[in-house]
Amino acid sequence: MEIREELVGDVVVVAPVGRVDSTTSSALDARLTALDAAGRRRVVVDFGAVEYISSAGLRVMLSLAKRARDTGGRVALCALDQSVRQVFDLAGFTALFTILPERGQAVAAASG
């Protein structure tokens, strides 16, 4: 899995590419944790190039949500395809995040 990153104003957009599963989720978790450690509290995760997310990937997202809540950060997700959105729905995770169809909308939501 590749992880693309872009700074848009004060929001970091993290865009994983491929599958977020037990093999790749630790890399995404490490990147998101490093952003938090660097004081980056406004994050968008762009799922536009993610074709699959497993329970391991969901745990990474849950960690992100908890850190944001504990530190006063803002997190938004965007561009979830139907299968990825279904996993979030079935796990009950849609209530934990602001989920928007487009990156620009998510950046606006995360910037506050």
N, C-alpha and C. Protein backbone atom coordinates (compact mmCIF):
# COMPACT_ATOMS: atom_id res chain seq x y z
N MET A 1 0.84 -1.18 0.00
CA MET A 1 0.00 0.00 0.00
C MET A 1 0.88 1.24 0.00
N GLU A 2 0.53 2.15 -0.83
CA GLU A 2 1.17 3.46 -0.88
C GLU A 2 0.31 4.42 -0.05
N ILE A 3 0.96 5.38 0.61
CA ILE A 3 0.23 6.40 1.36
C ILE A 3 0.66 7.76 0.82
N ARG A 4 -0.27 8.41 0.17
CA ARG A 4 -0.01 9.76 -0.34
C ARG A 4 -0.42 10.76 0.72
N GLU A 5 0.25 11.90 0.71
CA GLU A 5 -0.04 12.91 1.72
C GLU A 5 0.06 14.29 1.11
N GLU A 6 -0.83 15.17 1.53
CA GLU A 6 -0.84 16.53 1.02
C GLU A 6 -1.30 17.46 2.14
N LEU A 7 -0.68 18.62 2.24
CA LEU A 7 -1.09 19.63 3.21
C LEU A 7 -1.94 20.65 2.48
N VAL A 8 -3.17 20.84 2.96
CA VAL A 8 -4.10 21.81 2.38
C VAL A 8 -4.46 22.78 3.50
N GLY A 9 -3.83 23.94 3.50
CA GLY A 9 -4.01 24.86 4.62
C GLY A 9 -3.45 24.23 5.87
N ASP A 10 -4.29 24.09 6.90
CA ASP A 10 -3.85 23.44 8.14
C ASP A 10 -4.35 22.00 8.25
N VAL A 11 -4.82 21.45 7.15
CA VAL A 11 -5.36 20.09 7.14
C VAL A 11 -4.41 19.17 6.37
N VAL A 12 -4.09 18.03 6.97
CA VAL A 12 -3.29 17.03 6.28
C VAL A 12 -4.25 16.02 5.65
N VAL A 13 -4.11 15.84 4.35
CA VAL A 13 -4.90 14.85 3.63
C VAL A 13 -4.03 13.62 3.44
N VAL A 14 -4.48 12.51 4.00
CA VAL A 14 -3.78 11.24 3.90
C VAL A 14 -4.60 10.37 2.96
N ALA A 15 -3.97 9.87 1.92
CA ALA A 15 -4.69 9.10 0.90
C ALA A 15 -4.02 7.75 0.68
N PRO A 16 -4.50 6.73 1.40
CA PRO A 16 -3.95 5.39 1.16
C PRO A 16 -4.38 4.88 -0.22
N VAL A 17 -3.56 4.03 -0.80
CA VAL A 17 -3.84 3.47 -2.11
C VAL A 17 -3.79 1.95 -2.01
N GLY A 18 -4.86 1.30 -2.43
CA GLY A 18 -4.89 -0.16 -2.42
C GLY A 18 -5.77 -0.70 -1.31
N ARG A 19 -5.25 -1.70 -0.63
CA ARG A 19 -5.99 -2.38 0.44
C ARG A 19 -5.49 -1.92 1.80
N VAL A 20 -6.41 -1.71 2.72
CA VAL A 20 -6.05 -1.42 4.11
C VAL A 20 -6.47 -2.65 4.90
N ASP A 21 -5.50 -3.54 5.11
CA ASP A 21 -5.79 -4.82 5.74
C ASP A 21 -4.72 -5.14 6.78
N SER A 22 -4.69 -6.38 7.25
CA SER A 22 -3.75 -6.74 8.31
C SER A 22 -2.29 -6.58 7.89
N THR A 23 -2.03 -6.67 6.61
CA THR A 23 -0.66 -6.52 6.11
C THR A 23 -0.24 -5.06 6.02
N THR A 24 -1.17 -4.18 5.69
CA THR A 24 -0.82 -2.78 5.40
C THR A 24 -1.27 -1.77 6.46
N SER A 25 -2.17 -2.17 7.33
CA SER A 25 -2.76 -1.20 8.26
C SER A 25 -1.74 -0.61 9.23
N SER A 26 -0.70 -1.37 9.57
CA SER A 26 0.29 -0.84 10.51
C SER A 26 1.03 0.37 9.92
N ALA A 27 1.25 0.38 8.62
CA ALA A 27 1.91 1.53 7.98
C ALA A 27 1.01 2.76 8.05
N LEU A 28 -0.28 2.57 7.82
CA LEU A 28 -1.21 3.69 7.92
C LEU A 28 -1.31 4.19 9.35
N ASP A 29 -1.37 3.27 10.30
CA ASP A 29 -1.44 3.65 11.71
C ASP A 29 -0.18 4.43 12.11
N ALA A 30 0.97 3.96 11.68
CA ALA A 30 2.23 4.65 12.02
C ALA A 30 2.23 6.07 11.45
N ARG A 31 1.74 6.23 10.24
CA ARG A 31 1.72 7.57 9.62
C ARG A 31 0.76 8.50 10.35
N LEU A 32 -0.43 8.00 10.66
CA LEU A 32 -1.42 8.83 11.36
C LEU A 32 -0.96 9.17 12.78
N THR A 33 -0.31 8.23 13.44
CA THR A 33 0.22 8.47 14.79
C THR A 33 1.34 9.51 14.74
N ALA A 34 2.19 9.43 13.72
CA ALA A 34 3.28 10.40 13.57
C ALA A 34 2.73 11.80 13.32
N LEU A 35 1.66 11.90 12.55
CA LEU A 35 1.04 13.21 12.32
C LEU A 35 0.54 13.79 13.64
N ASP A 36 -0.10 12.96 14.44
CA ASP A 36 -0.60 13.41 15.74
C ASP A 36 0.57 13.87 16.63
N ALA A 37 1.63 13.09 16.64
CA ALA A 37 2.80 13.43 17.46
C ALA A 37 3.43 14.75 17.00
N ALA A 38 3.28 15.07 15.72
CA ALA A 38 3.82 16.31 15.17
C ALA A 38 2.86 17.48 15.37
N GLY A 39 1.74 17.22 16.04
CA GLY A 39 0.79 18.30 16.32
C GLY A 39 -0.23 18.54 15.23
N ARG A 40 -0.28 17.68 14.25
CA ARG A 40 -1.27 17.81 13.17
C ARG A 40 -2.58 17.21 13.65
N ARG A 41 -3.51 18.06 14.02
CA ARG A 41 -4.77 17.61 14.61
C ARG A 41 -5.95 17.67 13.64
N ARG A 42 -5.73 18.19 12.45
CA ARG A 42 -6.80 18.28 11.45
C ARG A 42 -6.42 17.36 10.28
N VAL A 43 -7.18 16.28 10.15
CA VAL A 43 -6.81 15.23 9.21
C VAL A 43 -8.01 14.82 8.37
N VAL A 44 -7.76 14.64 7.09
CA VAL A 44 -8.72 14.03 6.18
C VAL A 44 -8.10 12.73 5.68
N VAL A 45 -8.87 11.66 5.73
CA VAL A 45 -8.44 10.41 5.12
C VAL A 45 -9.27 10.24 3.86
N ASP A 46 -8.59 10.27 2.72
CA ASP A 46 -9.23 10.16 1.42
C ASP A 46 -9.17 8.70 0.98
N PHE A 47 -10.32 8.05 0.94
CA PHE A 47 -10.41 6.64 0.59
C PHE A 47 -10.66 6.42 -0.90
N GLY A 48 -10.47 7.44 -1.72
CA GLY A 48 -10.77 7.34 -3.14
C GLY A 48 -10.02 6.24 -3.87
N ALA A 49 -8.84 5.87 -3.39
CA ALA A 49 -8.06 4.82 -4.05
C ALA A 49 -7.98 3.55 -3.20
N VAL A 50 -8.86 3.43 -2.21
CA VAL A 50 -8.89 2.23 -1.37
C VAL A 50 -10.00 1.32 -1.88
N GLU A 51 -9.61 0.10 -2.19
CA GLU A 51 -10.58 -0.86 -2.72
C GLU A 51 -11.14 -1.80 -1.66
N TYR A 52 -10.46 -1.85 -0.49
CA TYR A 52 -10.87 -2.79 0.55
C TYR A 52 -10.34 -2.32 1.89
N ILE A 53 -11.14 -2.48 2.94
CA ILE A 53 -10.68 -2.23 4.30
C ILE A 53 -11.14 -3.38 5.17
N SER A 54 -10.24 -3.89 5.98
CA SER A 54 -10.54 -5.02 6.88
C SER A 54 -10.76 -4.50 8.30
N SER A 55 -10.99 -5.43 9.20
CA SER A 55 -11.15 -5.05 10.61
C SER A 55 -9.87 -4.41 11.15
N ALA A 56 -8.72 -4.83 10.64
CA ALA A 56 -7.45 -4.20 11.06
C ALA A 56 -7.43 -2.74 10.64
N GLY A 57 -7.91 -2.45 9.45
CA GLY A 57 -8.00 -1.06 9.00
C GLY A 57 -9.00 -0.27 9.82
N LEU A 58 -10.10 -0.90 10.18
CA LEU A 58 -11.09 -0.23 11.02
C LEU A 58 -10.51 0.12 12.38
N ARG A 59 -9.66 -0.76 12.93
CA ARG A 59 -9.02 -0.46 14.22
C ARG A 59 -8.14 0.78 14.11
N VAL A 60 -7.44 0.93 12.99
CA VAL A 60 -6.62 2.12 12.77
C VAL A 60 -7.51 3.37 12.77
N MET A 61 -8.65 3.28 12.10
CA MET A 61 -9.55 4.42 12.03
C MET A 61 -10.15 4.72 13.41
N LEU A 62 -10.45 3.69 14.18
CA LEU A 62 -10.97 3.90 15.53
C LEU A 62 -9.93 4.59 16.40
N SER A 63 -8.68 4.20 16.27
CA SER A 63 -7.59 4.86 17.00
C SER A 63 -7.50 6.33 16.63
N LEU A 64 -7.61 6.61 15.35
CA LEU A 64 -7.58 7.99 14.87
C LEU A 64 -8.73 8.79 15.48
N ALA A 65 -9.92 8.22 15.49
CA ALA A 65 -11.08 8.91 16.05
C ALA A 65 -10.89 9.20 17.54
N LYS A 66 -10.35 8.24 18.26
CA LYS A 66 -10.12 8.42 19.70
C LYS A 66 -9.07 9.50 19.97
N ARG A 67 -7.99 9.47 19.19
CA ARG A 67 -6.96 10.51 19.38
C ARG A 67 -7.52 11.89 19.09
N ALA A 68 -8.30 12.00 18.03
CA ALA A 68 -8.89 13.29 17.68
C ALA A 68 -9.81 13.77 18.79
N ARG A 69 -10.60 12.87 19.32
CA ARG A 69 -11.51 13.24 20.42
C ARG A 69 -10.72 13.69 21.65
N ASP A 70 -9.67 12.96 21.97
CA ASP A 70 -8.89 13.26 23.17
C ASP A 70 -8.06 14.53 23.05
N THR A 71 -7.70 14.91 21.84
CA THR A 71 -6.81 16.07 21.66
C THR A 71 -7.52 17.28 21.06
N GLY A 72 -8.82 17.16 20.84
CA GLY A 72 -9.56 18.26 20.24
C GLY A 72 -9.32 18.41 18.75
N GLY A 73 -8.90 17.32 18.12
CA GLY A 73 -8.65 17.35 16.69
C GLY A 73 -9.93 17.21 15.89
N ARG A 74 -9.77 17.31 14.58
CA ARG A 74 -10.90 17.14 13.65
C ARG A 74 -10.48 16.15 12.58
N VAL A 75 -11.37 15.20 12.32
CA VAL A 75 -11.11 14.18 11.31
C VAL A 75 -12.32 14.10 10.40
N ALA A 76 -12.06 14.01 9.10
CA ALA A 76 -13.12 13.75 8.13
C ALA A 76 -12.62 12.70 7.15
N LEU A 77 -13.55 11.92 6.66
CA LEU A 77 -13.24 10.90 5.65
C LEU A 77 -13.94 11.28 4.37
N CYS A 78 -13.38 10.88 3.24
CA CYS A 78 -14.04 11.17 1.98
C CYS A 78 -13.80 10.08 0.95
N ALA A 79 -14.64 10.11 -0.06
CA ALA A 79 -14.52 9.29 -1.26
C ALA A 79 -14.55 7.79 -0.99
N LEU A 80 -15.35 7.37 -0.02
CA LEU A 80 -15.48 5.93 0.24
C LEU A 80 -16.31 5.30 -0.87
N ASP A 81 -15.77 4.25 -1.50
CA ASP A 81 -16.60 3.57 -2.50
C ASP A 81 -17.65 2.73 -1.77
N GLN A 82 -18.55 2.16 -2.51
CA GLN A 82 -19.70 1.48 -1.91
C GLN A 82 -19.28 0.34 -0.98
N SER A 83 -18.29 -0.45 -1.37
CA SER A 83 -17.90 -1.59 -0.54
C SER A 83 -17.20 -1.14 0.74
N VAL A 84 -16.37 -0.11 0.66
CA VAL A 84 -15.70 0.41 1.86
C VAL A 84 -16.73 1.06 2.77
N ARG A 85 -17.65 1.82 2.20
CA ARG A 85 -18.70 2.45 3.00
C ARG A 85 -19.55 1.39 3.71
N GLN A 86 -19.81 0.30 3.04
CA GLN A 86 -20.61 -0.77 3.64
C GLN A 86 -19.91 -1.36 4.86
N VAL A 87 -18.59 -1.51 4.81
CA VAL A 87 -17.84 -2.01 5.96
C VAL A 87 -17.97 -1.04 7.13
N PHE A 88 -17.83 0.25 6.86
CA PHE A 88 -18.01 1.27 7.91
C PHE A 88 -19.43 1.21 8.48
N ASP A 89 -20.42 1.07 7.61
CA ASP A 89 -21.82 0.99 8.05
C ASP A 89 -22.05 -0.22 8.94
N LEU A 90 -21.60 -1.39 8.48
CA LEU A 90 -21.82 -2.63 9.23
C LEU A 90 -21.12 -2.61 10.59
N ALA A 91 -19.98 -1.96 10.66
CA ALA A 91 -19.23 -1.89 11.91
C ALA A 91 -19.77 -0.80 12.84
N GLY A 92 -20.70 0.02 12.34
CA GLY A 92 -21.23 1.11 13.15
C GLY A 92 -20.29 2.30 13.24
N PHE A 93 -19.33 2.39 12.33
CA PHE A 93 -18.32 3.44 12.39
C PHE A 93 -18.76 4.74 11.72
N THR A 94 -19.83 4.72 10.98
CA THR A 94 -20.25 5.95 10.30
C THR A 94 -20.64 7.04 11.30
N ALA A 95 -21.05 6.64 12.49
CA ALA A 95 -21.41 7.62 13.51
C ALA A 95 -20.17 8.28 14.13
N LEU A 96 -19.01 7.69 13.95
CA LEU A 96 -17.78 8.21 14.57
C LEU A 96 -17.10 9.29 13.74
N PHE A 97 -17.47 9.37 12.46
CA PHE A 97 -16.74 10.24 11.54
C PHE A 97 -17.67 11.13 10.75
N THR A 98 -17.13 12.25 10.33
CA THR A 98 -17.76 13.05 9.28
C THR A 98 -17.32 12.42 7.97
N ILE A 99 -18.28 11.93 7.19
CA ILE A 99 -17.96 11.25 5.94
C ILE A 99 -18.62 12.03 4.81
N LEU A 100 -17.79 12.49 3.88
CA LEU A 100 -18.27 13.32 2.79
C LEU A 100 -17.83 12.73 1.45
N PRO A 101 -18.57 13.05 0.39
CA PRO A 101 -18.25 12.44 -0.90
C PRO A 101 -16.96 12.96 -1.54
N GLU A 102 -16.60 14.22 -1.30
CA GLU A 102 -15.46 14.81 -2.01
C GLU A 102 -14.41 15.36 -1.06
N ARG A 103 -13.17 15.34 -1.53
CA ARG A 103 -12.04 15.80 -0.72
C ARG A 103 -12.20 17.25 -0.27
N GLY A 104 -12.61 18.14 -1.16
CA GLY A 104 -12.76 19.55 -0.79
C GLY A 104 -13.74 19.75 0.34
N GLN A 105 -14.83 19.00 0.31
CA GLN A 105 -15.83 19.08 1.39
C GLN A 105 -15.23 18.58 2.70
N ALA A 106 -14.47 17.51 2.64
CA ALA A 106 -13.86 16.96 3.85
C ALA A 106 -12.81 17.89 4.42
N VAL A 107 -12.03 18.52 3.56
CA VAL A 107 -11.03 19.50 4.03
C VAL A 107 -11.73 20.66 4.73
N ALA A 108 -12.81 21.14 4.15
CA ALA A 108 -13.57 22.24 4.77
C ALA A 108 -14.10 21.81 6.13
N ALA A 109 -14.61 20.60 6.24
CA ALA A 109 -15.14 20.10 7.51
C ALA A 109 -14.05 19.94 8.56
N ALA A 110 -12.89 19.47 8.15
CA ALA A 110 -11.78 19.25 9.10
C ALA A 110 -11.13 20.56 9.51
N SER A 111 -11.19 21.57 8.66
CA SER A 111 -10.53 22.82 9.01
C SER A 111 -11.36 23.63 10.00
N GLY A 112 -12.60 23.30 10.09
CA GLY A 112 -13.38 23.83 11.14
C GLY A 112 -14.22 24.99 11.03
